[in-house]
Amino acid sequence: MQASSSNLSLDSRALVRSSIRQARRSLSTKQQTLYASAAAELAISALSGLNVRRIALYLTNDGELDTKPLIEALWQQNIEVYLPRLHPFSAGNLVFLRYTANTKLVQNSLKIWEPKLDITQMLLTHELDVVITPLVAFDKQGNRMGMGGGYYDRTLANWQQSGKPYPIGFSHDCQQVASLSCEYWDVPLPMIITPSTVFKFTD
């Protein structure tokens, strides 16, 4: 029995996810440290032209490019940092809470650390200037592959119409692939930052 094209696409995406996740987990602690520092420097330079006051990032998981150096650099520049949290009432969506050195963190159902729910620290998505997104893989056209939950695709679904928040990918160089098969809900990124390069896909 011949597999459908949709199943082949799903199989291909699963293979890419598995391969890239293994590649980034294989990086040594020294490599991770050097790459995180280099990427943070490039990110700060790229952000300097975007008039950023409020930015959302994420806490590193599963071999992702470490965001700690970038978060600390943003704090030093008095830029407000926000972290995603699974929406308490709307499955599949995110909310964003202010993140400081004193923020209490809890582990969610996906085993990812997130801020403890405090509505006084919450910000609406359109109030953010930039959202730096995690990703599993990206290609030369700025297409992004996430973990498959669609959280960031939903968060960024309307950014091109409203102009905010501006999405930027943050990734190891080894996560770049030649091309990705995309679905209609996948949101391409205008910029992706790696330890070696700032990729800009739109003006």
N, C-alpha and C. Protein backbone atom coordinates (compact mmCIF):
# COMPACT_ATOMS: atom_id res chain seq x y z
N MET A 1 0.84 -1.20 0.00
CA MET A 1 0.00 0.00 0.00
C MET A 1 0.88 1.25 0.00
N GLN A 2 0.61 2.19 -0.90
CA GLN A 2 1.44 3.38 -1.03
C GLN A 2 1.06 4.42 0.01
N ALA A 3 2.06 5.03 0.66
CA ALA A 3 1.80 6.06 1.66
C ALA A 3 1.34 7.33 0.97
N SER A 4 0.45 8.06 1.62
CA SER A 4 -0.03 9.33 1.08
C SER A 4 1.07 10.37 1.16
N SER A 5 0.93 11.44 0.33
CA SER A 5 1.94 12.50 0.34
C SER A 5 1.99 13.20 1.69
N SER A 6 0.81 13.32 2.36
CA SER A 6 0.79 13.98 3.66
C SER A 6 1.55 13.16 4.69
N ASN A 7 1.40 11.83 4.61
CA ASN A 7 2.13 10.97 5.54
C ASN A 7 3.63 11.03 5.29
N LEU A 8 4.00 11.09 4.00
CA LEU A 8 5.41 11.22 3.66
C LEU A 8 5.96 12.52 4.21
N SER A 9 5.17 13.58 4.13
CA SER A 9 5.61 14.87 4.65
C SER A 9 5.81 14.80 6.15
N LEU A 10 4.86 14.16 6.84
CA LEU A 10 4.97 14.03 8.28
C LEU A 10 6.18 13.19 8.65
N ASP A 11 6.42 12.11 7.89
CA ASP A 11 7.58 11.26 8.15
C ASP A 11 8.86 12.05 7.95
N SER A 12 8.91 12.86 6.89
CA SER A 12 10.10 13.65 6.60
C SER A 12 10.37 14.66 7.70
N ARG A 13 9.32 15.32 8.18
CA ARG A 13 9.48 16.31 9.24
C ARG A 13 9.95 15.63 10.53
N ALA A 14 9.43 14.46 10.82
CA ALA A 14 9.83 13.72 12.03
C ALA A 14 11.30 13.34 11.94
N LEU A 15 11.75 12.95 10.75
CA LEU A 15 13.14 12.56 10.56
C LEU A 15 14.06 13.76 10.76
N VAL A 16 13.68 14.91 10.21
CA VAL A 16 14.47 16.13 10.37
C VAL A 16 14.55 16.49 11.85
N ARG A 17 13.41 16.47 12.55
CA ARG A 17 13.40 16.81 13.98
C ARG A 17 14.36 15.90 14.75
N SER A 18 14.27 14.62 14.51
CA SER A 18 15.10 13.67 15.23
C SER A 18 16.58 13.90 14.95
N SER A 19 16.93 14.10 13.69
CA SER A 19 18.32 14.27 13.29
C SER A 19 18.93 15.55 13.86
N ILE A 20 18.19 16.66 13.75
CA ILE A 20 18.72 17.94 14.22
C ILE A 20 18.80 17.99 15.74
N ARG A 21 17.81 17.46 16.41
CA ARG A 21 17.86 17.45 17.87
C ARG A 21 19.06 16.65 18.36
N GLN A 22 19.36 15.54 17.68
CA GLN A 22 20.52 14.74 18.06
C GLN A 22 21.81 15.51 17.80
N ALA A 23 21.86 16.26 16.70
CA ALA A 23 23.06 17.02 16.35
C ALA A 23 23.35 18.10 17.40
N ARG A 24 22.33 18.80 17.84
CA ARG A 24 22.60 19.87 18.81
C ARG A 24 22.86 19.31 20.20
N ARG A 25 22.26 18.17 20.52
CA ARG A 25 22.57 17.54 21.82
C ARG A 25 23.99 17.01 21.86
N SER A 26 24.58 16.76 20.68
CA SER A 26 25.93 16.21 20.60
C SER A 26 27.01 17.26 20.79
N LEU A 27 26.64 18.53 20.80
CA LEU A 27 27.62 19.59 20.99
C LEU A 27 28.19 19.52 22.41
N SER A 28 29.48 19.78 22.53
CA SER A 28 30.12 19.73 23.85
C SER A 28 29.73 20.94 24.69
N THR A 29 29.97 20.86 25.98
CA THR A 29 29.69 21.99 26.87
C THR A 29 30.49 23.21 26.45
N LYS A 30 31.74 23.01 26.04
CA LYS A 30 32.59 24.12 25.59
C LYS A 30 32.01 24.76 24.34
N GLN A 31 31.58 23.93 23.39
CA GLN A 31 30.96 24.47 22.17
C GLN A 31 29.69 25.25 22.49
N GLN A 32 28.87 24.69 23.36
CA GLN A 32 27.63 25.37 23.73
C GLN A 32 27.92 26.75 24.32
N THR A 33 28.91 26.81 25.19
CA THR A 33 29.25 28.08 25.84
C THR A 33 29.76 29.11 24.83
N LEU A 34 30.66 28.68 23.94
CA LEU A 34 31.21 29.59 22.94
C LEU A 34 30.13 30.06 21.97
N TYR A 35 29.30 29.13 21.53
CA TYR A 35 28.25 29.48 20.56
C TYR A 35 27.21 30.42 21.17
N ALA A 36 26.86 30.20 22.43
CA ALA A 36 25.87 31.05 23.09
C ALA A 36 26.38 32.48 23.22
N SER A 37 27.66 32.62 23.56
CA SER A 37 28.26 33.94 23.70
C SER A 37 28.32 34.66 22.35
N ALA A 38 28.72 33.95 21.31
CA ALA A 38 28.81 34.55 19.98
C ALA A 38 27.44 34.96 19.46
N ALA A 39 26.46 34.11 19.66
CA ALA A 39 25.10 34.43 19.20
C ALA A 39 24.51 35.61 19.96
N ALA A 40 24.81 35.70 21.25
CA ALA A 40 24.30 36.82 22.04
C ALA A 40 24.86 38.13 21.52
N GLU A 41 26.14 38.15 21.18
CA GLU A 41 26.75 39.37 20.65
C GLU A 41 26.09 39.79 19.35
N LEU A 42 25.86 38.84 18.45
CA LEU A 42 25.21 39.16 17.18
C LEU A 42 23.78 39.63 17.41
N ALA A 43 23.10 39.00 18.36
CA ALA A 43 21.70 39.37 18.63
C ALA A 43 21.60 40.78 19.17
N ILE A 44 22.47 41.15 20.10
CA ILE A 44 22.44 42.50 20.67
C ILE A 44 22.68 43.53 19.57
N SER A 45 23.61 43.24 18.67
CA SER A 45 23.88 44.15 17.55
C SER A 45 22.67 44.27 16.63
N ALA A 46 22.04 43.14 16.32
CA ALA A 46 20.88 43.15 15.43
C ALA A 46 19.69 43.86 16.06
N LEU A 47 19.52 43.70 17.37
CA LEU A 47 18.39 44.30 18.07
C LEU A 47 18.55 45.81 18.23
N SER A 48 19.78 46.28 18.15
CA SER A 48 20.03 47.71 18.38
C SER A 48 19.30 48.60 17.37
N GLY A 49 18.99 48.07 16.20
CA GLY A 49 18.30 48.85 15.19
C GLY A 49 16.80 48.69 15.19
N LEU A 50 16.26 47.96 16.18
CA LEU A 50 14.83 47.67 16.19
C LEU A 50 14.04 48.40 17.28
N ASN A 51 14.70 49.25 18.05
CA ASN A 51 14.03 50.02 19.10
C ASN A 51 13.24 49.11 20.04
N VAL A 52 13.94 48.18 20.63
CA VAL A 52 13.31 47.15 21.46
C VAL A 52 13.28 47.59 22.92
N ARG A 53 12.10 47.54 23.52
CA ARG A 53 11.95 47.81 24.95
C ARG A 53 11.47 46.57 25.69
N ARG A 54 10.69 45.74 25.01
CA ARG A 54 10.13 44.53 25.62
C ARG A 54 10.35 43.36 24.67
N ILE A 55 11.00 42.33 25.17
CA ILE A 55 11.35 41.20 24.31
C ILE A 55 11.03 39.88 25.01
N ALA A 56 10.51 38.95 24.27
CA ALA A 56 10.23 37.62 24.81
C ALA A 56 11.30 36.64 24.33
N LEU A 57 11.81 35.84 25.25
CA LEU A 57 12.73 34.77 24.92
C LEU A 57 12.19 33.47 25.50
N TYR A 58 13.06 32.52 25.68
CA TYR A 58 12.68 31.22 26.24
C TYR A 58 13.89 30.69 26.99
N LEU A 59 13.65 29.76 27.89
CA LEU A 59 14.74 29.12 28.61
C LEU A 59 15.15 27.85 27.86
N THR A 60 16.44 27.67 27.73
CA THR A 60 17.00 26.62 26.88
C THR A 60 16.62 25.22 27.37
N ASN A 61 16.36 24.34 26.39
CA ASN A 61 15.96 22.97 26.68
C ASN A 61 16.46 22.07 25.55
N ASP A 62 16.82 20.85 25.85
CA ASP A 62 17.09 19.83 24.83
C ASP A 62 18.20 20.24 23.86
N GLY A 63 19.29 20.83 24.36
CA GLY A 63 20.42 21.15 23.51
C GLY A 63 20.27 22.43 22.70
N GLU A 64 19.20 23.19 22.94
CA GLU A 64 19.02 24.45 22.23
C GLU A 64 20.15 25.42 22.52
N LEU A 65 20.35 26.37 21.62
CA LEU A 65 21.33 27.43 21.83
C LEU A 65 20.98 28.18 23.11
N ASP A 66 21.93 28.25 24.03
CA ASP A 66 21.68 28.79 25.37
C ASP A 66 21.32 30.29 25.29
N THR A 67 20.19 30.65 25.89
CA THR A 67 19.73 32.04 25.87
C THR A 67 20.23 32.86 27.07
N LYS A 68 20.87 32.23 28.04
CA LYS A 68 21.25 32.96 29.25
C LYS A 68 22.16 34.16 28.97
N PRO A 69 23.22 34.01 28.15
CA PRO A 69 24.06 35.19 27.88
C PRO A 69 23.27 36.34 27.24
N LEU A 70 22.35 36.02 26.38
CA LEU A 70 21.54 37.06 25.74
C LEU A 70 20.60 37.71 26.75
N ILE A 71 19.97 36.91 27.59
CA ILE A 71 19.07 37.46 28.61
C ILE A 71 19.83 38.40 29.53
N GLU A 72 21.00 38.00 29.97
CA GLU A 72 21.79 38.84 30.87
C GLU A 72 22.22 40.14 30.18
N ALA A 73 22.57 40.06 28.91
CA ALA A 73 22.95 41.27 28.16
C ALA A 73 21.76 42.21 28.01
N LEU A 74 20.58 41.67 27.81
CA LEU A 74 19.37 42.49 27.70
C LEU A 74 19.05 43.17 29.03
N TRP A 75 19.20 42.43 30.12
CA TRP A 75 18.99 43.04 31.45
C TRP A 75 19.95 44.21 31.66
N GLN A 76 21.18 44.04 31.24
CA GLN A 76 22.17 45.10 31.41
C GLN A 76 21.79 46.36 30.63
N GLN A 77 21.05 46.19 29.56
CA GLN A 77 20.60 47.32 28.75
C GLN A 77 19.22 47.82 29.18
N ASN A 78 18.72 47.31 30.31
CA ASN A 78 17.42 47.70 30.84
C ASN A 78 16.27 47.42 29.88
N ILE A 79 16.42 46.35 29.10
CA ILE A 79 15.34 45.88 28.24
C ILE A 79 14.54 44.83 29.01
N GLU A 80 13.22 44.99 29.04
CA GLU A 80 12.37 44.05 29.77
C GLU A 80 12.32 42.71 29.04
N VAL A 81 12.53 41.64 29.80
CA VAL A 81 12.53 40.29 29.24
C VAL A 81 11.29 39.54 29.72
N TYR A 82 10.67 38.83 28.82
CA TYR A 82 9.47 38.04 29.13
C TYR A 82 9.69 36.61 28.68
N LEU A 83 9.08 35.68 29.42
CA LEU A 83 9.16 34.26 29.09
C LEU A 83 7.78 33.72 28.77
N PRO A 84 7.71 32.73 27.88
CA PRO A 84 6.42 32.11 27.58
C PRO A 84 5.99 31.17 28.70
N ARG A 85 4.69 31.05 28.83
CA ARG A 85 4.09 30.09 29.76
C ARG A 85 2.87 29.50 29.07
N LEU A 86 2.65 28.20 29.26
CA LEU A 86 1.45 27.59 28.69
C LEU A 86 0.22 28.30 29.23
N HIS A 87 -0.68 28.67 28.33
CA HIS A 87 -1.89 29.39 28.74
C HIS A 87 -2.70 28.56 29.72
N PRO A 88 -3.11 29.13 30.85
CA PRO A 88 -3.81 28.33 31.87
C PRO A 88 -5.22 27.92 31.47
N PHE A 89 -5.81 28.60 30.49
CA PHE A 89 -7.22 28.32 30.14
C PHE A 89 -7.42 27.97 28.67
N SER A 90 -6.44 28.26 27.82
CA SER A 90 -6.59 28.06 26.38
C SER A 90 -5.51 27.12 25.88
N ALA A 91 -5.86 25.85 25.73
CA ALA A 91 -4.88 24.83 25.34
C ALA A 91 -4.24 25.17 24.00
N GLY A 92 -2.93 24.97 23.93
CA GLY A 92 -2.22 25.20 22.69
C GLY A 92 -1.72 26.62 22.50
N ASN A 93 -1.98 27.49 23.47
CA ASN A 93 -1.56 28.88 23.36
C ASN A 93 -0.59 29.25 24.48
N LEU A 94 0.08 30.38 24.29
CA LEU A 94 1.05 30.87 25.26
C LEU A 94 0.63 32.21 25.82
N VAL A 95 1.08 32.48 27.04
CA VAL A 95 1.04 33.83 27.60
C VAL A 95 2.49 34.19 27.96
N PHE A 96 2.75 35.48 28.13
CA PHE A 96 4.12 35.93 28.40
C PHE A 96 4.18 36.70 29.71
N LEU A 97 5.13 36.32 30.56
CA LEU A 97 5.29 36.94 31.87
C LEU A 97 6.69 37.53 32.02
N ARG A 98 6.77 38.66 32.73
CA ARG A 98 8.03 39.34 32.96
C ARG A 98 9.01 38.40 33.68
N TYR A 99 10.25 38.43 33.23
CA TYR A 99 11.28 37.58 33.80
C TYR A 99 12.41 38.43 34.35
N THR A 100 12.69 38.27 35.63
CA THR A 100 13.81 38.94 36.29
C THR A 100 14.62 37.89 37.04
N ALA A 101 15.69 38.33 37.65
CA ALA A 101 16.54 37.41 38.41
C ALA A 101 15.79 36.81 39.59
N ASN A 102 14.68 37.44 40.01
CA ASN A 102 13.93 36.95 41.17
C ASN A 102 12.66 36.19 40.80
N THR A 103 12.42 35.99 39.52
CA THR A 103 11.21 35.29 39.08
C THR A 103 11.23 33.83 39.54
N LYS A 104 10.12 33.38 40.11
CA LYS A 104 10.00 31.97 40.49
C LYS A 104 9.58 31.16 39.27
N LEU A 105 10.26 30.04 39.07
CA LEU A 105 10.00 29.18 37.92
C LEU A 105 9.40 27.85 38.37
N VAL A 106 8.55 27.31 37.51
CA VAL A 106 7.96 25.99 37.75
C VAL A 106 8.08 25.19 36.46
N GLN A 107 8.05 23.87 36.59
CA GLN A 107 8.16 23.02 35.41
C GLN A 107 6.76 22.67 34.91
N ASN A 108 6.53 22.87 33.61
CA ASN A 108 5.20 22.61 33.07
C ASN A 108 5.04 21.16 32.63
N SER A 109 3.90 20.85 32.02
CA SER A 109 3.60 19.48 31.62
C SER A 109 4.54 18.96 30.53
N LEU A 110 5.23 19.87 29.84
CA LEU A 110 6.19 19.48 28.80
C LEU A 110 7.61 19.38 29.36
N LYS A 111 7.74 19.49 30.70
CA LYS A 111 9.03 19.43 31.40
C LYS A 111 9.93 20.63 31.06
N ILE A 112 9.29 21.75 30.74
CA ILE A 112 10.01 22.99 30.42
C ILE A 112 9.77 23.98 31.55
N TRP A 113 10.81 24.69 31.95
CA TRP A 113 10.67 25.67 33.02
C TRP A 113 10.00 26.94 32.50
N GLU A 114 9.07 27.45 33.28
CA GLU A 114 8.31 28.65 32.92
C GLU A 114 8.02 29.45 34.19
N PRO A 115 7.69 30.74 34.05
CA PRO A 115 7.39 31.55 35.24
C PRO A 115 6.12 31.06 35.96
N LYS A 116 6.15 31.15 37.26
CA LYS A 116 4.95 30.87 38.03
C LYS A 116 3.88 31.90 37.65
N LEU A 117 2.64 31.45 37.52
CA LEU A 117 1.57 32.32 37.06
C LEU A 117 1.36 33.49 38.01
N ASP A 118 1.46 34.70 37.46
CA ASP A 118 1.26 35.93 38.20
C ASP A 118 0.74 36.96 37.21
N ILE A 119 -0.55 37.22 37.24
CA ILE A 119 -1.16 38.08 36.21
C ILE A 119 -0.63 39.50 36.26
N THR A 120 -0.05 39.90 37.39
CA THR A 120 0.50 41.26 37.47
C THR A 120 1.77 41.40 36.61
N GLN A 121 2.37 40.26 36.23
CA GLN A 121 3.58 40.28 35.42
C GLN A 121 3.32 39.91 33.96
N MET A 122 2.05 39.76 33.61
CA MET A 122 1.69 39.31 32.28
C MET A 122 1.61 40.47 31.29
N LEU A 123 1.99 40.19 30.04
CA LEU A 123 1.93 41.19 28.98
C LEU A 123 1.22 40.56 27.78
N LEU A 124 0.36 41.33 27.14
CA LEU A 124 -0.31 40.85 25.93
C LEU A 124 0.72 40.72 24.80
N THR A 125 0.51 39.75 23.94
CA THR A 125 1.49 39.47 22.89
C THR A 125 1.78 40.68 22.03
N HIS A 126 0.74 41.44 21.67
CA HIS A 126 0.96 42.59 20.77
C HIS A 126 1.69 43.74 21.47
N GLU A 127 1.88 43.64 22.78
CA GLU A 127 2.64 44.66 23.51
C GLU A 127 4.14 44.38 23.49
N LEU A 128 4.51 43.20 23.05
CA LEU A 128 5.92 42.84 22.92
C LEU A 128 6.47 43.45 21.63
N ASP A 129 7.72 43.89 21.66
CA ASP A 129 8.36 44.40 20.45
C ASP A 129 8.94 43.26 19.62
N VAL A 130 9.52 42.29 20.29
CA VAL A 130 10.20 41.18 19.62
C VAL A 130 9.89 39.88 20.36
N VAL A 131 9.73 38.81 19.61
CA VAL A 131 9.67 37.47 20.18
C VAL A 131 10.80 36.65 19.56
N ILE A 132 11.72 36.22 20.40
CA ILE A 132 12.79 35.33 19.93
C ILE A 132 12.32 33.90 20.15
N THR A 133 12.23 33.17 19.05
CA THR A 133 11.60 31.86 19.08
C THR A 133 12.62 30.73 19.08
N PRO A 134 12.32 29.67 19.80
CA PRO A 134 13.11 28.45 19.66
C PRO A 134 12.74 27.79 18.33
N LEU A 135 13.57 26.91 17.86
CA LEU A 135 13.24 26.16 16.65
C LEU A 135 14.08 24.89 16.61
N VAL A 136 13.61 23.93 15.84
CA VAL A 136 14.38 22.70 15.65
C VAL A 136 15.24 22.81 14.40
N ALA A 137 14.65 23.38 13.33
CA ALA A 137 15.40 23.52 12.08
C ALA A 137 14.90 24.74 11.32
N PHE A 138 15.75 25.25 10.42
CA PHE A 138 15.34 26.34 9.53
C PHE A 138 16.02 26.16 8.19
N ASP A 139 15.46 26.81 7.16
CA ASP A 139 16.06 26.68 5.84
C ASP A 139 16.44 28.03 5.26
N LYS A 140 16.90 28.04 4.03
CA LYS A 140 17.45 29.24 3.40
C LYS A 140 16.38 30.27 3.05
N GLN A 141 15.12 29.91 3.21
CA GLN A 141 14.02 30.84 2.94
C GLN A 141 13.44 31.42 4.23
N GLY A 142 13.99 31.03 5.37
CA GLY A 142 13.49 31.52 6.64
C GLY A 142 12.35 30.69 7.20
N ASN A 143 12.08 29.55 6.59
CA ASN A 143 11.05 28.67 7.14
C ASN A 143 11.55 28.03 8.43
N ARG A 144 10.66 27.93 9.39
CA ARG A 144 11.01 27.44 10.72
C ARG A 144 10.26 26.15 11.02
N MET A 145 10.96 25.19 11.57
CA MET A 145 10.31 23.99 12.09
C MET A 145 10.44 23.99 13.60
N GLY A 146 9.31 23.94 14.29
CA GLY A 146 9.30 23.86 15.73
C GLY A 146 9.19 22.42 16.19
N MET A 147 8.76 22.26 17.43
CA MET A 147 8.64 20.92 18.00
C MET A 147 7.35 20.21 17.59
N GLY A 148 6.46 20.93 16.92
CA GLY A 148 5.25 20.30 16.42
C GLY A 148 3.99 20.68 17.17
N GLY A 149 4.13 21.44 18.27
CA GLY A 149 2.96 21.82 19.04
C GLY A 149 2.22 23.03 18.48
N GLY A 150 2.89 23.81 17.65
CA GLY A 150 2.25 24.95 17.02
C GLY A 150 2.09 26.18 17.90
N TYR A 151 2.72 26.18 19.08
CA TYR A 151 2.55 27.29 20.02
C TYR A 151 2.99 28.63 19.43
N TYR A 152 4.16 28.63 18.80
CA TYR A 152 4.68 29.90 18.27
C TYR A 152 3.99 30.27 16.96
N ASP A 153 3.56 29.29 16.18
CA ASP A 153 2.80 29.62 14.97
C ASP A 153 1.50 30.34 15.34
N ARG A 154 0.86 29.91 16.41
CA ARG A 154 -0.36 30.59 16.86
C ARG A 154 -0.03 31.97 17.41
N THR A 155 1.05 32.06 18.18
CA THR A 155 1.44 33.34 18.77
C THR A 155 1.74 34.37 17.70
N LEU A 156 2.35 33.95 16.60
CA LEU A 156 2.84 34.87 15.58
C LEU A 156 1.95 34.93 14.34
N ALA A 157 0.78 34.31 14.40
CA ALA A 157 -0.07 34.20 13.22
C ALA A 157 -0.40 35.53 12.58
N ASN A 158 -0.52 36.60 13.37
CA ASN A 158 -0.94 37.89 12.84
C ASN A 158 0.15 38.95 12.81
N TRP A 159 1.38 38.55 13.03
CA TRP A 159 2.43 39.56 13.18
C TRP A 159 2.64 40.38 11.90
N GLN A 160 2.48 39.76 10.72
CA GLN A 160 2.72 40.49 9.49
C GLN A 160 1.67 41.57 9.25
N GLN A 161 0.45 41.33 9.74
CA GLN A 161 -0.60 42.34 9.60
C GLN A 161 -0.42 43.49 10.58
N SER A 162 -0.05 43.16 11.81
CA SER A 162 0.06 44.18 12.86
C SER A 162 1.47 44.76 12.98
N GLY A 163 2.46 44.02 12.48
CA GLY A 163 3.84 44.47 12.59
C GLY A 163 4.50 44.16 13.92
N LYS A 164 3.75 43.57 14.85
CA LYS A 164 4.28 43.21 16.17
C LYS A 164 3.65 41.91 16.63
N PRO A 165 4.39 41.18 17.45
CA PRO A 165 5.82 41.35 17.76
C PRO A 165 6.68 40.80 16.62
N TYR A 166 7.83 41.41 16.40
CA TYR A 166 8.73 40.99 15.33
C TYR A 166 9.40 39.68 15.74
N PRO A 167 9.27 38.63 14.93
CA PRO A 167 9.82 37.32 15.33
C PRO A 167 11.23 37.10 14.82
N ILE A 168 12.07 36.59 15.69
CA ILE A 168 13.46 36.27 15.35
C ILE A 168 13.77 34.86 15.83
N GLY A 169 14.32 34.05 14.96
CA GLY A 169 14.75 32.71 15.36
C GLY A 169 16.13 32.75 15.99
N PHE A 170 16.40 31.81 16.87
CA PHE A 170 17.68 31.73 17.59
C PHE A 170 18.12 30.28 17.53
N SER A 171 19.25 30.01 16.90
CA SER A 171 19.54 28.63 16.54
C SER A 171 21.03 28.36 16.40
N HIS A 172 21.42 27.12 16.63
CA HIS A 172 22.75 26.67 16.27
C HIS A 172 22.88 26.64 14.75
N ASP A 173 24.09 26.81 14.25
CA ASP A 173 24.33 26.70 12.81
C ASP A 173 23.98 25.32 12.28
N CYS A 174 24.19 24.30 13.09
CA CYS A 174 23.94 22.93 12.64
C CYS A 174 22.46 22.63 12.43
N GLN A 175 21.60 23.58 12.78
CA GLN A 175 20.16 23.37 12.62
C GLN A 175 19.64 23.86 11.27
N GLN A 176 20.53 24.41 10.44
CA GLN A 176 20.11 24.85 9.12
C GLN A 176 20.07 23.67 8.16
N VAL A 177 19.00 23.59 7.37
CA VAL A 177 18.85 22.57 6.34
C VAL A 177 18.59 23.26 5.00
N ALA A 178 18.71 22.52 3.92
CA ALA A 178 18.54 23.12 2.59
C ALA A 178 17.12 23.63 2.37
N SER A 179 16.15 22.82 2.74
CA SER A 179 14.75 23.24 2.57
C SER A 179 13.87 22.43 3.51
N LEU A 180 12.75 23.02 3.88
CA LEU A 180 11.77 22.37 4.74
C LEU A 180 10.43 22.27 4.03
N SER A 181 9.76 21.16 4.24
CA SER A 181 8.37 21.06 3.77
C SER A 181 7.51 21.81 4.78
N CYS A 182 6.65 22.68 4.30
CA CYS A 182 5.88 23.56 5.18
C CYS A 182 4.38 23.34 5.04
N GLU A 183 3.68 23.61 6.11
CA GLU A 183 2.22 23.57 6.10
C GLU A 183 1.71 25.01 6.07
N TYR A 184 0.42 25.17 5.78
CA TYR A 184 -0.13 26.52 5.62
C TYR A 184 -0.06 27.33 6.90
N TRP A 185 -0.01 26.66 8.05
CA TRP A 185 0.00 27.39 9.32
C TRP A 185 1.42 27.77 9.77
N ASP A 186 2.45 27.25 9.10
CA ASP A 186 3.82 27.57 9.49
C ASP A 186 4.13 29.03 9.21
N VAL A 187 4.70 29.72 10.20
CA VAL A 187 5.02 31.13 10.07
C VAL A 187 6.51 31.29 9.77
N PRO A 188 6.86 31.77 8.57
CA PRO A 188 8.28 32.00 8.26
C PRO A 188 8.82 33.18 9.07
N LEU A 189 10.11 33.18 9.29
CA LEU A 189 10.74 34.22 10.10
C LEU A 189 11.49 35.22 9.23
N PRO A 190 11.42 36.52 9.57
CA PRO A 190 12.16 37.51 8.81
C PRO A 190 13.64 37.56 9.17
N MET A 191 13.99 37.01 10.33
CA MET A 191 15.39 37.02 10.78
C MET A 191 15.67 35.80 11.63
N ILE A 192 16.83 35.20 11.43
CA ILE A 192 17.29 34.10 12.27
C ILE A 192 18.75 34.36 12.63
N ILE A 193 19.06 34.22 13.90
CA ILE A 193 20.41 34.48 14.40
C ILE A 193 21.05 33.17 14.84
N THR A 194 22.26 32.93 14.36
CA THR A 194 23.05 31.78 14.77
C THR A 194 24.37 32.31 15.34
N PRO A 195 25.22 31.46 15.87
CA PRO A 195 26.50 31.94 16.38
C PRO A 195 27.39 32.59 15.33
N SER A 196 27.16 32.29 14.05
CA SER A 196 28.03 32.83 13.00
C SER A 196 27.40 33.88 12.11
N THR A 197 26.06 33.93 12.06
CA THR A 197 25.40 34.72 11.03
C THR A 197 24.07 35.29 11.52
N VAL A 198 23.74 36.49 11.02
CA VAL A 198 22.39 37.03 11.14
C VAL A 198 21.75 36.91 9.76
N PHE A 199 20.82 35.99 9.63
CA PHE A 199 20.11 35.80 8.36
C PHE A 199 18.91 36.75 8.32
N LYS A 200 18.79 37.51 7.23
CA LYS A 200 17.64 38.38 7.04
C LYS A 200 16.93 37.94 5.77
N PHE A 201 15.67 37.60 5.92
CA PHE A 201 14.92 37.03 4.80
C PHE A 201 13.94 38.02 4.16
N THR A 202 13.68 39.13 4.84
CA THR A 202 12.83 40.18 4.29
C THR A 202 13.45 41.52 4.65
N ASP A 203 13.04 42.56 3.92
CA ASP A 203 13.53 43.91 4.21
C ASP A 203 12.85 44.45 5.45
